[in-house]
Amino acid sequence: MKIWAPSQAVADVLTDLPDVECVIFDGATQPPEGAEEVEVWIPSLIPPPGLPGLLRRMTGLRLLQTVTAGVDAYLGHLPDGVVLCNARGVHDAGTAEWALGAMIAVLREFPSFAAAQERGEWSYRHTGALADSTVLIVGYGAIGEALERRLDGFEVDVVRVARTAREGVHGEDELPRLLPEADVVVLLVPSTKGTAGLVDARFLASMKDGAVLVNAARGPVVDTGALLAELRTGRLRAALDVTDPEPLPKDHPLWTAPGLFVTPHVAGSTPASIRRLRRLMRSQMLRYLSGEPLNNVITGSY
């Protein structure tokens, strides 16, 4: 059985499995020969160019296992009979840590103090604080749960929002009522047609003065122009690990927007994520080879 793996780190936990041939395809180069023979594909973090055409050539494909929680790039392109699984849980710790660190960095003005350090300035002043805040998590799933665990002890009120309401979790339709009360709004929703542009001018206008928007989801979830308009007034602040466009061009106005902290999509890029990814890939392949039900199977509108 031929497997395309995204890296040697992933291939190393699969090569000892019976009758398995691992070929490294990182997505940055031309696909290896024999695409029609690949039964399992584990794509790299960024899907390769020409994805729809490549999938049409992969006539032997039976399982596509992503290394990300998001699978939007593959929806609508999978041939019939191919099972799609995501990497739910792999990046929970890293993304939750980033979100917590980002909100503290913005509230305590760490980027500004770092700039003052480079200039050799002792820039004393009072800052905001996370304590006594209301943190609104939009897209409350596995990563939201991980973030809430890390917020425990910071003396905050956590308000949970998901696409549909359930016990202890509000529905998205309640956002107009919840947004004005939140000091920090964290975005953890998947990238879907329904979440594209979710954070538009109306959403941002509903946030209270001085609130912080934290985007650890996907860039297109936020209307970049609307966010820029709010940042330029100084009414809101933000921390973005993802942007639209992405990568962010060197001359893009987000780079110089006031009150904004930007990182280059690194929230889940940690050793913990690699360890958990390797465990998941091996577990999934053992299940696949033995005919057991797979974890994280994507069905319908995830």
Protein backbone atom coordinates (compact mmCIF):
# COMPACT_ATOMS: atom_id res chain seq x y z
CA MET A 1 0.00 0.00 0.00
CA LYS A 2 1.42 3.37 -1.04
CA ILE A 3 1.12 6.37 1.28
CA TRP A 4 2.07 9.94 0.50
CA ALA A 5 3.33 11.52 3.73
CA PRO A 6 4.05 15.24 4.19
CA SER A 7 7.36 14.85 6.02
CA GLN A 8 9.95 12.37 7.20
CA ALA A 9 8.71 12.88 10.76
CA VAL A 10 5.33 11.43 9.77
CA ALA A 11 6.77 8.75 7.52
CA ASP A 12 9.01 7.50 10.33
CA VAL A 13 6.01 6.32 12.38
CA LEU A 14 4.46 4.49 9.42
CA THR A 15 7.30 2.74 7.61
CA ASP A 16 7.36 -0.27 9.95
CA LEU A 17 3.72 -1.08 9.25
CA PRO A 18 3.17 -4.21 7.15
CA ASP A 19 3.10 -3.79 3.36
CA VAL A 20 3.34 -0.02 3.60
CA GLU A 21 5.42 2.12 1.24
CA CYS A 22 5.82 5.76 2.32
CA VAL A 23 6.72 8.45 -0.20
CA ILE A 24 7.46 12.00 0.96
CA PHE A 25 5.41 14.69 -0.77
CA ASP A 26 5.59 18.04 0.99
CA GLY A 27 3.32 19.84 -1.46
CA ALA A 28 6.01 22.38 -2.40
CA THR A 29 7.41 20.32 -5.28
CA GLN A 30 5.92 18.42 -8.20
CA PRO A 31 3.94 15.36 -7.07
CA PRO A 32 5.92 12.11 -7.20
CA GLU A 33 5.29 9.58 -9.92
CA GLY A 34 2.54 7.03 -9.38
CA ALA A 35 -0.26 9.25 -8.11
CA GLU A 36 -2.78 6.67 -9.32
CA GLU A 37 -1.25 4.08 -6.97
CA VAL A 38 -1.58 6.12 -3.78
CA GLU A 39 -4.15 4.63 -1.41
CA VAL A 40 -3.63 7.02 1.53
CA TRP A 41 -2.63 10.65 1.24
CA ILE A 42 -1.57 12.78 4.20
CA PRO A 43 -1.21 16.26 2.64
CA SER A 44 1.09 18.94 3.99
CA LEU A 45 -0.14 21.93 5.97
CA ILE A 46 -0.67 23.97 2.78
CA PRO A 47 -2.47 22.11 -0.03
CA PRO A 48 -0.42 21.87 -3.25
CA PRO A 49 -1.22 23.94 -6.34
CA GLY A 50 -3.54 22.24 -8.80
CA LEU A 51 -5.25 20.22 -6.08
CA PRO A 52 -8.46 19.37 -8.00
CA GLY A 53 -6.50 18.03 -10.98
CA LEU A 54 -4.19 16.04 -8.75
CA LEU A 55 -7.10 14.40 -6.95
CA ARG A 56 -8.65 13.41 -10.27
CA ARG A 57 -5.42 11.56 -11.11
CA MET A 58 -5.42 9.71 -7.77
CA THR A 59 -7.76 6.95 -8.90
CA GLY A 60 -6.58 4.53 -6.20
CA LEU A 61 -7.07 6.96 -3.31
CA ARG A 62 -9.23 5.65 -0.46
CA LEU A 63 -8.26 7.84 2.51
CA LEU A 64 -7.26 11.50 2.71
CA GLN A 65 -6.06 12.33 6.22
CA THR A 66 -5.28 16.01 6.78
CA VAL A 67 -2.75 17.37 9.28
CA THR A 68 -5.09 20.24 10.11
CA ALA A 69 -8.51 20.55 11.70
CA GLY A 70 -9.71 22.51 8.67
CA VAL A 71 -10.55 20.55 5.53
CA ASP A 72 -12.23 23.24 3.43
CA ALA A 73 -9.61 23.03 0.66
CA TYR A 74 -10.62 19.43 -0.08
CA LEU A 75 -14.39 19.64 0.16
CA GLY A 76 -16.02 19.36 -3.24
CA HIS A 77 -12.91 17.89 -4.87
CA LEU A 78 -12.76 14.40 -3.39
CA PRO A 79 -13.51 11.52 -5.78
CA ASP A 80 -16.35 9.20 -4.84
CA GLY A 81 -15.42 6.58 -2.27
CA VAL A 82 -12.62 8.58 -0.60
CA VAL A 83 -12.87 8.98 3.17
CA LEU A 84 -11.82 12.38 4.52
CA CYS A 85 -10.47 12.70 8.08
CA ASN A 86 -9.08 15.74 9.85
CA ALA A 87 -6.54 16.17 12.62
CA ARG A 88 -8.92 17.29 15.34
CA GLY A 89 -7.04 17.53 18.63
CA VAL A 90 -3.53 17.74 17.18
CA HIS A 91 -3.22 21.53 17.36
CA ASP A 92 -5.45 22.17 20.38
CA ALA A 93 -2.65 22.84 22.86
CA GLY A 94 -0.57 25.07 20.60
CA THR A 95 -3.51 27.11 19.34
CA ALA A 96 -4.98 27.53 22.81
CA GLU A 97 -1.60 28.64 24.16
CA TRP A 98 -1.23 31.15 21.33
CA ALA A 99 -4.70 32.59 21.91
CA LEU A 100 -4.04 33.01 25.62
CA GLY A 101 -0.60 34.52 25.04
CA ALA A 102 -1.91 36.83 22.32
CA MET A 103 -4.71 38.27 24.42
CA ILE A 104 -2.33 38.89 27.32
CA ALA A 105 0.24 40.44 24.96
CA VAL A 106 -2.31 42.92 23.60
CA LEU A 107 -3.95 43.73 26.92
CA ARG A 108 -0.59 44.23 28.66
CA GLU A 109 0.83 46.03 25.59
CA PHE A 110 3.85 43.76 25.24
CA PRO A 111 4.50 44.69 21.55
CA SER A 112 4.69 48.37 22.49
CA PHE A 113 7.07 47.64 25.38
CA ALA A 114 9.22 45.48 23.08
CA ALA A 115 9.48 48.38 20.63
CA ALA A 116 10.39 50.71 23.51
CA GLN A 117 13.09 48.25 24.60
CA GLU A 118 14.64 48.39 21.13
CA ARG A 119 14.72 52.18 21.40
CA GLY A 120 16.16 52.04 24.92
CA GLU A 121 13.16 53.81 26.42
CA TRP A 122 11.76 53.22 29.93
CA SER A 123 8.11 53.67 28.95
CA TYR A 124 6.27 53.29 32.27
CA ARG A 125 2.47 53.34 32.22
CA HIS A 126 -0.58 51.42 33.40
CA THR A 127 -1.96 48.80 31.02
CA GLY A 128 -5.04 46.68 30.74
CA ALA A 129 -5.34 43.25 32.34
CA LEU A 130 -7.00 39.92 31.65
CA ALA A 131 -8.31 39.61 35.22
CA ASP A 132 -12.00 40.41 35.68
CA SER A 133 -12.58 40.24 31.90
CA THR A 134 -15.28 38.47 29.92
CA VAL A 135 -13.78 36.23 27.22
CA LEU A 136 -16.17 35.25 24.44
CA ILE A 137 -15.08 32.13 22.53
CA VAL A 138 -16.73 31.98 19.10
CA GLY A 139 -16.44 28.47 17.71
CA TYR A 140 -16.43 26.46 20.92
CA GLY A 141 -15.07 23.02 20.09
CA ALA A 142 -11.98 21.07 21.08
CA ILE A 143 -9.67 24.09 20.84
CA GLY A 144 -12.18 26.23 22.71
CA GLU A 145 -12.26 23.67 25.49
CA ALA A 146 -8.45 23.67 25.60
CA LEU A 147 -8.43 27.47 25.79
CA GLU A 148 -10.98 27.49 28.60
CA ARG A 149 -8.85 25.06 30.61
CA ARG A 150 -5.91 27.42 30.24
CA LEU A 151 -8.01 30.42 31.22
CA ASP A 152 -8.97 28.71 34.47
CA GLY A 153 -7.15 30.63 37.19
CA PHE A 154 -7.00 33.94 35.31
CA GLU A 155 -10.18 35.14 37.05
CA VAL A 156 -12.22 35.65 33.90
CA ASP A 157 -15.77 34.84 32.83
CA VAL A 158 -15.86 32.57 29.78
CA VAL A 159 -18.84 32.73 27.43
CA ARG A 160 -19.08 29.94 24.86
CA VAL A 161 -20.61 30.21 21.38
CA ALA A 162 -20.99 27.52 18.71
CA ARG A 163 -22.91 27.27 15.46
CA THR A 164 -25.88 25.79 17.30
CA ALA A 165 -26.73 26.09 20.98
CA ARG A 166 -26.28 23.23 23.43
CA GLU A 167 -26.10 22.99 27.19
CA GLY A 168 -23.68 25.64 28.44
CA VAL A 169 -23.00 26.92 24.92
CA HIS A 170 -24.83 29.75 23.15
CA GLY A 171 -25.76 29.65 19.48
CA GLU A 172 -24.28 32.04 16.91
CA ASP A 173 -27.65 33.72 16.62
CA GLU A 174 -27.06 35.13 20.12
CA LEU A 175 -23.89 37.00 19.15
CA PRO A 176 -25.58 40.41 18.79
CA ARG A 177 -26.55 40.18 22.47
CA LEU A 178 -23.25 38.73 23.69
CA LEU A 179 -20.70 40.83 21.80
CA PRO A 180 -21.30 44.13 23.64
CA GLU A 181 -20.44 42.46 26.97
CA ALA A 182 -17.15 40.85 25.90
CA ASP A 183 -13.72 42.31 26.66
CA VAL A 184 -11.98 39.69 24.49
CA VAL A 185 -13.51 37.89 21.49
CA VAL A 186 -11.61 34.78 20.36
CA LEU A 187 -12.37 33.30 16.93
CA LEU A 188 -11.94 29.53 16.62
CA VAL A 189 -14.53 28.73 13.95
CA PRO A 190 -13.69 26.51 10.95
CA SER A 191 -13.35 28.05 7.51
CA THR A 192 -16.61 27.36 5.69
CA LYS A 193 -18.96 29.25 3.41
CA GLY A 194 -21.00 30.05 6.50
CA THR A 195 -18.10 31.59 8.43
CA ALA A 196 -16.53 33.60 5.58
CA GLY A 197 -16.93 37.26 6.52
CA LEU A 198 -18.59 36.37 9.81
CA VAL A 199 -16.69 39.21 11.49
CA ASP A 200 -17.90 42.09 9.36
CA ALA A 201 -18.45 45.78 10.08
CA ARG A 202 -21.67 45.05 11.96
CA PHE A 203 -20.02 42.38 14.13
CA LEU A 204 -17.12 44.69 14.97
CA ALA A 205 -19.43 47.63 15.68
CA SER A 206 -21.23 45.45 18.24
CA MET A 207 -18.01 44.96 20.23
CA LYS A 208 -17.52 47.25 23.21
CA ASP A 209 -15.01 50.11 23.13
CA GLY A 210 -11.52 48.87 23.99
CA ALA A 211 -12.30 45.21 23.30
CA VAL A 212 -9.72 42.86 21.77
CA LEU A 213 -10.39 40.59 18.78
CA VAL A 214 -8.22 37.43 18.66
CA ASN A 215 -8.30 35.47 15.40
CA ALA A 216 -6.87 31.95 15.64
CA ALA A 217 -9.32 30.61 13.05
CA ARG A 218 -8.80 31.54 9.37
CA GLY A 219 -8.16 34.88 7.72
CA PRO A 220 -11.35 35.07 5.60
CA VAL A 221 -13.48 34.82 8.75
CA VAL A 222 -12.69 38.52 9.30
CA ASP A 223 -13.45 41.34 6.87
CA THR A 224 -9.99 42.90 6.69
CA GLY A 225 -11.22 46.31 5.54
CA ALA A 226 -13.77 46.54 8.33
CA LEU A 227 -11.16 45.56 10.93
CA LEU A 228 -8.70 48.13 9.60
CA ALA A 229 -11.35 50.83 9.90
CA GLU A 230 -11.94 49.99 13.57
CA LEU A 231 -8.23 49.73 14.39
CA ARG A 232 -7.49 53.11 12.84
CA THR A 233 -10.01 54.77 15.12
CA GLY A 234 -8.34 53.16 18.14
CA ARG A 235 -11.70 51.81 19.35
CA LEU A 236 -10.68 48.14 19.07
CA ARG A 237 -7.44 46.20 19.29
CA ALA A 238 -6.64 42.84 17.76
CA ALA A 239 -4.26 39.89 17.60
CA LEU A 240 -4.15 37.90 14.36
CA ASP A 241 -2.38 34.65 13.66
CA VAL A 242 -4.19 34.42 10.32
CA THR A 243 -4.94 37.14 7.79
CA ASP A 244 -6.75 37.78 4.55
CA PRO A 245 -4.72 37.84 2.35
CA GLU A 246 -2.18 35.33 3.61
CA PRO A 247 0.78 35.49 3.60
CA LEU A 248 0.41 39.18 4.33
CA PRO A 249 2.15 41.26 1.61
CA LYS A 250 5.00 43.44 2.82
CA ASP A 251 3.19 46.68 2.00
CA HIS A 252 -0.21 45.66 3.42
CA PRO A 253 -1.76 48.25 5.77
CA LEU A 254 -2.34 45.65 8.49
CA TRP A 255 1.39 45.73 9.25
CA THR A 256 1.18 49.32 10.46
CA ALA A 257 -2.35 49.31 11.87
CA PRO A 258 -2.45 50.69 15.44
CA GLY A 259 -3.29 48.28 18.23
CA LEU A 260 -2.59 45.18 16.15
CA PHE A 261 -0.34 42.21 17.00
CA VAL A 262 0.33 39.86 14.06
CA THR A 263 2.03 36.46 13.93
CA PRO A 264 2.54 34.43 10.71
CA HIS A 265 0.09 31.53 11.23
CA VAL A 266 2.25 29.87 13.87
CA ALA A 267 -0.32 29.04 16.57
CA GLY A 268 -0.22 25.30 15.97
CA SER A 269 3.43 25.13 14.89
CA THR A 270 4.90 23.61 18.05
CA PRO A 271 6.72 20.43 19.12
CA ALA A 272 3.56 19.38 20.95
CA SER A 273 1.63 19.47 17.67
CA ILE A 274 4.26 17.33 15.94
CA ARG A 275 4.18 14.75 18.72
CA ARG A 276 0.40 14.57 18.65
CA LEU A 277 0.33 14.46 14.86
CA ARG A 278 2.67 11.49 14.78
CA ARG A 279 0.54 9.65 17.35
CA LEU A 280 -2.64 10.35 15.40
CA MET A 281 -1.19 9.30 12.04
CA ARG A 282 0.05 6.00 13.43
CA SER A 283 -3.21 5.33 15.25
CA GLN A 284 -5.25 6.09 12.14
CA MET A 285 -3.15 3.85 9.92
CA LEU A 286 -3.36 0.98 12.39
CA ARG A 287 -7.13 1.40 12.37
CA TYR A 288 -7.22 1.60 8.59
CA LEU A 289 -5.10 -1.51 8.11
CA SER A 290 -7.18 -3.52 10.57
CA GLY A 291 -10.52 -2.31 9.19
CA GLU A 292 -11.50 -0.52 12.41
CA PRO A 293 -13.58 2.69 12.32
CA LEU A 294 -11.40 5.75 11.76
CA ASN A 295 -11.32 8.79 14.03
CA ASN A 296 -12.28 12.30 12.90
CA VAL A 297 -14.22 11.27 9.81
CA ILE A 298 -15.72 14.32 8.09
CA THR A 299 -19.30 13.95 6.93
CA GLY A 300 -21.71 16.55 5.60
CA SER A 301 -21.03 20.15 6.60
CA TYR A 302 -18.40 19.94 9.30
